[in-house]
Protein backbone atom coordinates (compact mmCIF):
# COMPACT_ATOMS: atom_id res chain seq x y z
CA UNK A 1 79.25 79.51 90.85
CA UNK A 2 81.26 81.51 88.45
CA UNK A 3 80.82 85.39 88.11
CA UNK A 4 81.91 85.53 84.75
CA UNK A 5 79.97 83.32 82.06
CA UNK A 6 81.56 81.43 79.17
CA UNK A 7 81.27 84.05 76.77
CA UNK A 8 82.72 86.85 78.86
CA UNK A 9 85.66 84.37 80.00
CA UNK A 10 86.16 83.87 75.99
CA UNK A 11 86.39 87.61 75.54
CA UNK A 12 88.51 88.40 78.39
CA UNK A 13 91.01 85.47 77.16
CA UNK A 14 91.20 87.20 73.96
CA UNK A 15 92.10 90.64 75.33
CA UNK A 16 94.78 89.01 77.91
CA UNK A 17 96.37 87.14 75.00
CA UNK A 18 98.87 89.84 74.34
CA UNK A 19 99.86 90.74 77.93
CA UNK A 20 103.54 91.90 77.80
CA UNK A 21 104.40 91.46 81.57
CA UNK A 22 103.35 90.00 84.70
CA UNK A 23 100.48 91.56 87.02
CA UNK A 24 99.73 91.11 90.52
CA UNK A 25 96.24 91.93 92.10
CA UNK A 26 96.52 92.48 95.75
CA UNK A 27 93.10 91.45 97.10
CA UNK A 28 92.21 93.01 100.73
CA UNK A 29 89.28 91.54 102.28
CA UNK A 30 87.67 90.56 105.56
CA UNK A 31 84.77 88.15 104.26
CA UNK A 32 83.01 87.96 107.83
CA UNK A 33 82.31 91.85 107.80
CA UNK A 34 82.30 92.98 104.17
CA UNK A 35 79.43 92.27 101.91
CA UNK A 36 81.34 92.43 98.59
CA UNK A 37 84.63 90.72 99.49
CA UNK A 38 83.83 87.50 98.62
CA UNK A 39 82.42 88.48 95.05
CA UNK A 40 85.80 90.91 94.78
CA UNK A 41 87.97 87.87 95.44
CA UNK A 42 86.13 85.49 93.13
CA UNK A 43 86.22 88.11 90.48
CA UNK A 44 90.09 88.53 90.74
CA UNK A 45 90.48 84.89 90.75
CA UNK A 46 88.81 84.07 87.93
CA UNK A 47 90.54 86.72 86.01
CA UNK A 48 93.80 85.01 87.10
CA UNK A 49 92.79 81.70 85.69
CA UNK A 50 92.18 83.50 82.10
CA UNK A 51 95.92 84.15 81.84
CA UNK A 52 99.25 82.85 83.17
CA UNK A 53 100.31 86.51 83.54
CA UNK A 54 97.87 87.19 86.37
CA UNK A 55 98.55 86.18 89.81
CA UNK A 56 96.41 87.05 92.58
CA UNK A 57 97.60 87.52 96.37
CA UNK A 58 94.60 87.78 99.25
CA UNK A 59 94.98 89.53 102.49
CA UNK A 60 92.88 90.04 105.41
CA UNK A 61 92.97 93.79 106.47
CA UNK A 62 93.54 93.19 110.09
CA UNK A 63 96.03 90.27 109.63
CA UNK A 64 97.95 92.05 107.00
CA UNK A 65 98.18 95.42 108.54
CA UNK A 66 101.90 96.10 107.26
CA UNK A 67 100.98 95.28 103.81
CA UNK A 68 97.65 97.29 103.88
CA UNK A 69 99.61 100.46 105.51
CA UNK A 70 102.30 99.99 102.65
CA UNK A 71 99.46 100.53 99.80
CA UNK A 72 97.41 102.80 101.66
CA UNK A 73 94.50 100.40 102.06
CA UNK A 74 92.11 101.57 104.62
CA UNK A 75 88.89 100.05 103.59
CA UNK A 76 87.63 97.02 101.81
CA UNK A 77 86.89 95.26 99.51
CA UNK A 78 90.06 96.68 97.93
CA UNK A 79 92.12 95.81 94.79
CA UNK A 80 95.82 96.94 94.15
CA UNK A 81 96.82 96.31 90.51
CA UNK A 82 100.80 95.86 90.58
CA UNK A 83 102.77 95.69 87.52
CA UNK A 84 106.07 93.49 86.25
CA UNK A 85 108.33 92.80 89.45
CA UNK A 86 105.57 94.38 91.89
CA UNK A 87 105.81 97.83 90.72
CA UNK A 88 103.13 99.86 92.15
CA UNK A 89 101.70 102.32 89.60
CA UNK A 90 98.95 103.78 92.26
CA UNK A 91 96.03 102.03 90.64
CA UNK A 92 93.51 101.48 93.16
CA UNK A 93 89.96 99.82 93.51
CA UNK A 94 87.80 100.34 96.50
CA UNK A 95 84.67 98.15 96.05
CA UNK A 96 83.86 95.29 93.75
CA UNK A 97 84.64 96.50 90.22
CA UNK A 98 81.70 94.84 88.33
CA UNK A 99 78.93 96.05 86.11
CA UNK A 100 80.49 99.03 83.86
CA UNK A 101 83.45 99.00 86.12
CA UNK A 102 84.51 95.54 84.86
CA UNK A 103 86.03 97.33 81.97
CA UNK A 104 88.31 99.64 84.22
CA UNK A 105 89.55 96.63 85.52
CA UNK A 106 90.70 94.84 82.51
CA UNK A 107 92.16 98.43 81.24
CA UNK A 108 93.92 98.40 84.67
CA UNK A 109 95.29 95.10 83.99
CA UNK A 110 96.56 95.84 80.53
CA UNK A 111 98.17 99.05 81.53
CA UNK A 112 100.05 97.74 84.34
CA UNK A 113 101.11 94.88 82.22
CA UNK A 114 102.79 97.24 79.35
CA UNK A 115 103.64 100.24 81.60
CA UNK A 116 102.27 102.56 79.13
CA UNK A 117 99.76 104.85 80.13
CA UNK A 118 98.24 105.54 76.76
CA UNK A 119 97.72 109.33 77.28
CA UNK A 120 98.45 111.65 74.47
CA UNK A 121 102.03 113.25 74.14
CA UNK A 122 100.79 116.28 74.83
CA UNK A 123 99.09 115.05 78.34
CA UNK A 124 102.63 113.06 79.15
CA UNK A 125 104.64 116.24 78.55
CA UNK A 126 102.27 118.23 81.08
CA UNK A 127 102.15 115.66 83.73
CA UNK A 128 106.10 116.11 83.79
CA UNK A 129 105.27 119.27 85.11
CA UNK A 130 103.63 118.05 88.27
CA UNK A 131 105.31 118.83 91.57
CA UNK A 132 103.42 117.08 94.18
CA UNK A 133 101.27 114.12 95.17
CA UNK A 134 97.87 114.14 93.88
CA UNK A 135 95.65 111.46 95.23
CA UNK A 136 92.81 111.27 92.87
CA UNK A 137 89.30 109.56 94.00
CA UNK A 138 86.68 108.65 91.44
CA UNK A 139 83.49 108.22 92.81
CA UNK A 140 81.14 105.84 90.76
CA UNK A 141 78.27 103.19 90.92
CA UNK A 142 78.22 100.22 88.59
CA UNK A 143 75.26 101.23 86.78
CA UNK A 144 76.94 104.32 85.24
CA UNK A 145 78.08 104.41 81.74
CA UNK A 146 80.14 107.34 81.70
CA UNK A 147 82.29 106.62 85.01
CA UNK A 148 84.36 104.13 83.69
CA UNK A 149 85.86 107.18 81.29
CA UNK A 150 86.72 108.75 84.60
CA UNK A 151 88.29 106.00 86.20
CA UNK A 152 90.21 104.83 83.23
CA UNK A 153 91.74 108.52 82.79
CA UNK A 154 92.66 108.69 86.46
CA UNK A 155 94.54 105.39 86.25
CA UNK A 156 95.96 106.57 83.29
CA UNK A 157 97.66 109.45 84.92
CA UNK A 158 98.68 107.52 87.94
CA UNK A 159 100.49 105.00 85.31
CA UNK A 160 102.27 107.96 83.62
CA UNK A 161 103.43 109.64 86.97
CA UNK A 162 104.72 108.43 90.13
CA UNK A 163 103.09 111.44 92.01
CA UNK A 164 99.60 110.27 91.08
CA UNK A 165 97.64 107.42 93.20
CA UNK A 166 94.16 107.12 91.50
CA UNK A 167 91.13 105.19 93.28
CA UNK A 168 87.67 103.78 91.92
CA UNK A 169 85.44 104.18 94.91
CA UNK A 170 82.00 102.65 94.36
CA UNK A 171 79.99 105.04 96.25
CA UNK A 172 77.17 102.85 97.21
CA UNK A 173 79.63 100.29 99.22
CA UNK A 174 81.17 103.39 101.13
CA UNK A 175 77.90 105.74 101.95
CA UNK A 176 80.13 107.53 104.65
CA UNK A 177 82.68 108.78 101.82
CA UNK A 178 79.81 109.57 99.23
CA UNK A 179 78.22 111.84 102.27
CA UNK A 180 81.74 113.21 103.17
CA UNK A 181 82.51 114.40 99.48
CA UNK A 182 78.88 115.57 98.41
CA UNK A 183 78.59 112.56 95.92
CA UNK A 184 75.26 113.39 94.37
CA UNK A 185 75.91 112.40 91.03
CA UNK A 186 78.81 110.15 89.32
CA UNK A 187 81.22 110.38 88.47
CA UNK A 188 82.49 112.65 90.95
CA UNK A 189 86.25 113.17 91.03
CA UNK A 190 88.12 114.30 94.13
CA UNK A 191 91.80 115.36 93.94
CA UNK A 192 93.60 116.01 97.14
CA UNK A 193 90.54 116.25 99.01
CA UNK A 194 90.14 119.88 98.16
CA UNK A 195 89.44 120.12 94.25
CA UNK A 196 86.51 117.93 92.56
CA UNK A 197 84.13 118.17 89.61
CA UNK A 198 81.45 115.87 88.14
CA UNK A 199 81.39 114.35 84.71
CA UNK A 200 83.70 112.50 82.53
CA UNK A 201 86.01 115.29 81.61
CA UNK A 202 88.33 115.26 78.05
CA UNK A 203 91.58 114.33 78.76
CA UNK A 204 93.11 117.77 78.60
CA UNK A 205 90.53 119.11 81.30
CA UNK A 206 91.44 116.44 83.63
CA UNK A 207 94.78 116.73 83.34
CA UNK A 208 94.46 120.62 84.01
CA UNK A 209 92.44 119.78 86.92
CA UNK A 210 95.25 117.40 88.16
CA UNK A 211 98.16 119.60 87.99
CA UNK A 212 95.84 122.16 89.47
CA UNK A 213 95.48 120.03 92.57
CA UNK A 214 99.28 119.39 92.66
CA UNK A 215 100.20 122.91 92.57
């Protein structure tokens, strides 16, 4: 049974009608040991049916260790969103991007297709000052209406700077990580294991935190 109903499929088709470049979704799974792996793969495959610009490549985490290591995939389900020519912008989803996070997946696909972060000129200039790699983890729940704002802003920063990788992490699917990082409210953003904050911050405040994490 399809995950997307007809009205959603039609709306997504309209959103994908003007994709300017090819996108590849790398889906990492291991369905016998992962509750949401099948759902994540099905979602990616259904999206690929709605645009000839979207390709899905499915990998078993254990059988494709080299590929998983290349993209830093250490848990499942996971989706890596690649742009034209398999360009890696650092966009990651850990956990099924359903609920409110479905919009984050659509935005990530459109960003990867265009290669344009959509950030303000001020934010673009600020990120040019980044000197060190920053790993952003945005902890979310699928029922949180504010979480996509944080996820999409993190992904925009990753598209803008090669020094940034940004992960959406669905907290309930990875409770050990939620416990480790003290996730009691969402969105919770963790940068480079040391800096964190809660809430969906405005662009400038978010970028300021990112620059501090990369200093």
